[in-house]
């Protein structure tokens, strides 16, 4: 999975925040800090769909877009890709575990315990 560009990330943030699929026009209206042409928004949405980040469904003449996966799943995938870049996954995981807060460490322990119980 590849990273997202700045505009792609802004659009994904909007779609992750919504609980319903949106049209290109709706997404464009929600990007308040930019003056984007509607065709630019449609192009980015199409590109995100081809990359597998979005799913789309027809709604009359328009397409409605929604994330293919949650933000959490995307971030987890980025973390796994970062681990793949290391020469020593164990060392990287150990360093990561040492760097997280106590609360975050507890969340990791709980997740690992749940996996062991499955």
C-alpha atoms as a PDB file:
ATOM      1  CA  UNK A   1       0.000   0.000   0.000  1.00  0.00           C
ATOM      2  CA  UNK A   2       1.416   3.325  -0.980  1.00  0.00           C
ATOM      3  CA  UNK A   3       1.309   6.561   0.939  1.00  0.00           C
ATOM      4  CA  UNK A   4      -1.122   9.308   0.151  1.00  0.00           C
ATOM      5  CA  UNK A   5      -0.352  12.715  -1.300  1.00  0.00           C
ATOM      6  CA  UNK A   6      -1.517  15.847   0.505  1.00  0.00           C
ATOM      7  CA  UNK A   7      -4.772  16.251  -1.449  1.00  0.00           C
ATOM      8  CA  UNK A   8      -5.457  12.502  -1.368  1.00  0.00           C
ATOM      9  CA  UNK A   9      -4.975  12.518   2.410  1.00  0.00           C
ATOM     10  CA  UNK A  10      -7.327  15.502   2.799  1.00  0.00           C
ATOM     11  CA  UNK A  11     -10.005  13.717   0.796  1.00  0.00           C
ATOM     12  CA  UNK A  12      -9.518  10.449   2.680  1.00  0.00           C
ATOM     13  CA  UNK A  13      -9.767  12.340   5.994  1.00  0.00           C
ATOM     14  CA  UNK A  14     -13.145  13.698   4.897  1.00  0.00           C
ATOM     15  CA  UNK A  15     -14.415  10.288   3.808  1.00  0.00           C
ATOM     16  CA  UNK A  16     -13.102   8.545   6.941  1.00  0.00           C
ATOM     17  CA  UNK A  17     -14.885  11.144   9.085  1.00  0.00           C
ATOM     18  CA  UNK A  18     -18.237  10.599   7.384  1.00  0.00           C
ATOM     19  CA  UNK A  19     -20.517   7.659   8.054  1.00  0.00           C
ATOM     20  CA  UNK A  20     -22.037   7.722   4.607  1.00  0.00           C
ATOM     21  CA  UNK A  21     -20.738   7.589   1.021  1.00  0.00           C
ATOM     22  CA  UNK A  22     -20.278  11.005  -0.578  1.00  0.00           C
ATOM     23  CA  UNK A  23     -20.395  12.344  -4.122  1.00  0.00           C
ATOM     24  CA  UNK A  24     -17.506  14.299  -5.640  1.00  0.00           C
ATOM     25  CA  UNK A  25     -19.547  17.485  -5.262  1.00  0.00           C
ATOM     26  CA  UNK A  26     -20.130  16.817  -1.553  1.00  0.00           C
ATOM     27  CA  UNK A  27     -16.436  16.108  -1.001  1.00  0.00           C
ATOM     28  CA  UNK A  28     -15.492  19.274  -2.886  1.00  0.00           C
ATOM     29  CA  UNK A  29     -17.731  21.390  -0.666  1.00  0.00           C
ATOM     30  CA  UNK A  30     -16.061  19.930   2.435  1.00  0.00           C
ATOM     31  CA  UNK A  31     -12.567  20.921   1.342  1.00  0.00           C
ATOM     32  CA  UNK A  32     -12.938  24.436   2.672  1.00  0.00           C
ATOM     33  CA  UNK A  33      -9.273  25.457   2.651  1.00  0.00           C
ATOM     34  CA  UNK A  34      -8.813  24.940  -1.094  1.00  0.00           C
ATOM     35  CA  UNK A  35     -10.362  26.353  -4.219  1.00  0.00           C
ATOM     36  CA  UNK A  36     -10.458  23.179  -6.311  1.00  0.00           C
ATOM     37  CA  UNK A  37     -12.153  22.616  -9.625  1.00  0.00           C
ATOM     38  CA  UNK A  38     -14.808  19.885  -9.465  1.00  0.00           C
ATOM     39  CA  UNK A  39     -12.853  17.945 -12.090  1.00  0.00           C
ATOM     40  CA  UNK A  40      -9.807  17.917  -9.795  1.00  0.00           C
ATOM     41  CA  UNK A  41     -11.837  16.363  -6.985  1.00  0.00           C
ATOM     42  CA  UNK A  42     -13.300  13.793  -9.395  1.00  0.00           C
ATOM     43  CA  UNK A  43      -9.837  12.929 -10.710  1.00  0.00           C
ATOM     44  CA  UNK A  44      -8.443  12.388  -7.208  1.00  0.00           C
ATOM     45  CA  UNK A  45     -11.460  10.283  -6.202  1.00  0.00           C
ATOM     46  CA  UNK A  46     -11.040   8.168  -9.339  1.00  0.00           C
ATOM     47  CA  UNK A  47      -7.325   7.736  -8.648  1.00  0.00           C
ATOM     48  CA  UNK A  48      -8.016   6.710  -5.029  1.00  0.00           C
ATOM     49  CA  UNK A  49     -10.563   4.179  -6.301  1.00  0.00           C
ATOM     50  CA  UNK A  50      -8.042   2.693  -8.744  1.00  0.00           C
ATOM     51  CA  UNK A  51      -5.439   2.499  -5.961  1.00  0.00           C
ATOM     52  CA  UNK A  52      -7.919   0.531  -3.839  1.00  0.00           C
ATOM     53  CA  UNK A  53      -8.461   3.158  -1.136  1.00  0.00           C
ATOM     54  CA  UNK A  54     -12.089   3.837  -2.119  1.00  0.00           C
ATOM     55  CA  UNK A  55     -15.136   1.935  -3.278  1.00  0.00           C
ATOM     56  CA  UNK A  56     -17.772   3.620  -5.387  1.00  0.00           C
ATOM     57  CA  UNK A  57     -21.394   2.958  -6.197  1.00  0.00           C
ATOM     58  CA  UNK A  58     -23.716   4.584  -8.719  1.00  0.00           C
ATOM     59  CA  UNK A  59     -26.324   7.008  -7.465  1.00  0.00           C
ATOM     60  CA  UNK A  60     -28.214   8.197 -10.518  1.00  0.00           C
ATOM     61  CA  UNK A  61     -25.678   9.979 -12.710  1.00  0.00           C
ATOM     62  CA  UNK A  62     -23.183  10.470  -9.873  1.00  0.00           C
ATOM     63  CA  UNK A  63     -20.813   8.151  -8.058  1.00  0.00           C
ATOM     64  CA  UNK A  64     -20.788   7.868  -4.267  1.00  0.00           C
ATOM     65  CA  UNK A  65     -17.425   7.161  -2.668  1.00  0.00           C
ATOM     66  CA  UNK A  66     -16.550   5.521   0.635  1.00  0.00           C
ATOM     67  CA  UNK A  67     -13.309   4.207   2.118  1.00  0.00           C
ATOM     68  CA  UNK A  68     -12.455   0.604   1.277  1.00  0.00           C
ATOM     69  CA  UNK A  69     -10.939   0.240   4.760  1.00  0.00           C
ATOM     70  CA  UNK A  70     -10.859   2.182   8.009  1.00  0.00           C
ATOM     71  CA  UNK A  71      -8.226   4.765   8.863  1.00  0.00           C
ATOM     72  CA  UNK A  72      -6.940   2.346  11.525  1.00  0.00           C
ATOM     73  CA  UNK A  73      -6.424  -0.381   8.922  1.00  0.00           C
ATOM     74  CA  UNK A  74      -4.548   2.065   6.676  1.00  0.00           C
ATOM     75  CA  UNK A  75      -2.244   3.200   9.500  1.00  0.00           C
ATOM     76  CA  UNK A  76      -1.594  -0.406  10.549  1.00  0.00           C
ATOM     77  CA  UNK A  77      -0.617  -1.225   6.955  1.00  0.00           C
ATOM     78  CA  UNK A  78       1.793   1.732   6.900  1.00  0.00           C
ATOM     79  CA  UNK A  79       3.348   0.507  10.133  1.00  0.00           C
ATOM     80  CA  UNK A  80       3.808  -2.983   8.710  1.00  0.00           C
ATOM     81  CA  UNK A  81       5.398  -1.549   5.573  1.00  0.00           C
ATOM     82  CA  UNK A  82       7.797   0.468   7.737  1.00  0.00           C
ATOM     83  CA  UNK A  83       8.754  -2.731   9.549  1.00  0.00           C
ATOM     84  CA  UNK A  84       9.471  -4.368   6.192  1.00  0.00           C
ATOM     85  CA  UNK A  85      12.029  -1.620   5.525  1.00  0.00           C
ATOM     86  CA  UNK A  86      14.095  -2.515   8.576  1.00  0.00           C
ATOM     87  CA  UNK A  87      16.874  -5.029   8.489  1.00  0.00           C
ATOM     88  CA  UNK A  88      15.857  -6.274  11.909  1.00  0.00           C
ATOM     89  CA  UNK A  89      12.136  -6.391  12.652  1.00  0.00           C
ATOM     90  CA  UNK A  90      12.734  -7.555  16.233  1.00  0.00           C
ATOM     91  CA  UNK A  91      14.954  -4.562  16.996  1.00  0.00           C
ATOM     92  CA  UNK A  92      12.475  -2.173  15.411  1.00  0.00           C
ATOM     93  CA  UNK A  93       9.564  -3.664  17.362  1.00  0.00           C
ATOM     94  CA  UNK A  94      11.547  -3.531  20.588  1.00  0.00           C
ATOM     95  CA  UNK A  95      12.446   0.119  20.012  1.00  0.00           C
ATOM     96  CA  UNK A  96       8.809   0.899  19.187  1.00  0.00           C
ATOM     97  CA  UNK A  97       7.621  -0.800  22.384  1.00  0.00           C
ATOM     98  CA  UNK A  98      10.132   1.235  24.412  1.00  0.00           C
ATOM     99  CA  UNK A  99       8.929   4.482  22.825  1.00  0.00           C
ATOM    100  CA  UNK A 100       5.174   4.171  23.431  1.00  0.00           C
ATOM    101  CA  UNK A 101       3.437   5.568  26.500  1.00  0.00           C
ATOM    102  CA  UNK A 102       2.336   3.374  29.383  1.00  0.00           C
ATOM    103  CA  UNK A 103      -1.290   3.518  28.207  1.00  0.00           C
ATOM    104  CA  UNK A 104      -0.276   2.582  24.655  1.00  0.00           C
ATOM    105  CA  UNK A 105       1.813  -0.314  25.993  1.00  0.00           C
ATOM    106  CA  UNK A 106      -1.228  -1.550  27.914  1.00  0.00           C
ATOM    107  CA  UNK A 107      -3.318  -1.423  24.720  1.00  0.00           C
ATOM    108  CA  UNK A 108      -0.639  -3.479  22.927  1.00  0.00           C
ATOM    109  CA  UNK A 109      -0.552  -6.023  25.791  1.00  0.00           C
ATOM    110  CA  UNK A 110      -4.331  -6.344  25.698  1.00  0.00           C
ATOM    111  CA  UNK A 111      -4.365  -6.840  21.914  1.00  0.00           C
ATOM    112  CA  UNK A 112      -1.653  -9.500  22.132  1.00  0.00           C
ATOM    113  CA  UNK A 113      -3.502 -11.295  24.941  1.00  0.00           C
ATOM    114  CA  UNK A 114      -6.685 -11.323  22.871  1.00  0.00           C
ATOM    115  CA  UNK A 115      -4.787 -12.785  19.907  1.00  0.00           C
ATOM    116  CA  UNK A 116      -3.331 -15.544  22.096  1.00  0.00           C
ATOM    117  CA  UNK A 117      -6.806 -16.438  23.374  1.00  0.00           C
ATOM    118  CA  UNK A 118      -8.201 -16.924  19.865  1.00  0.00           C
END
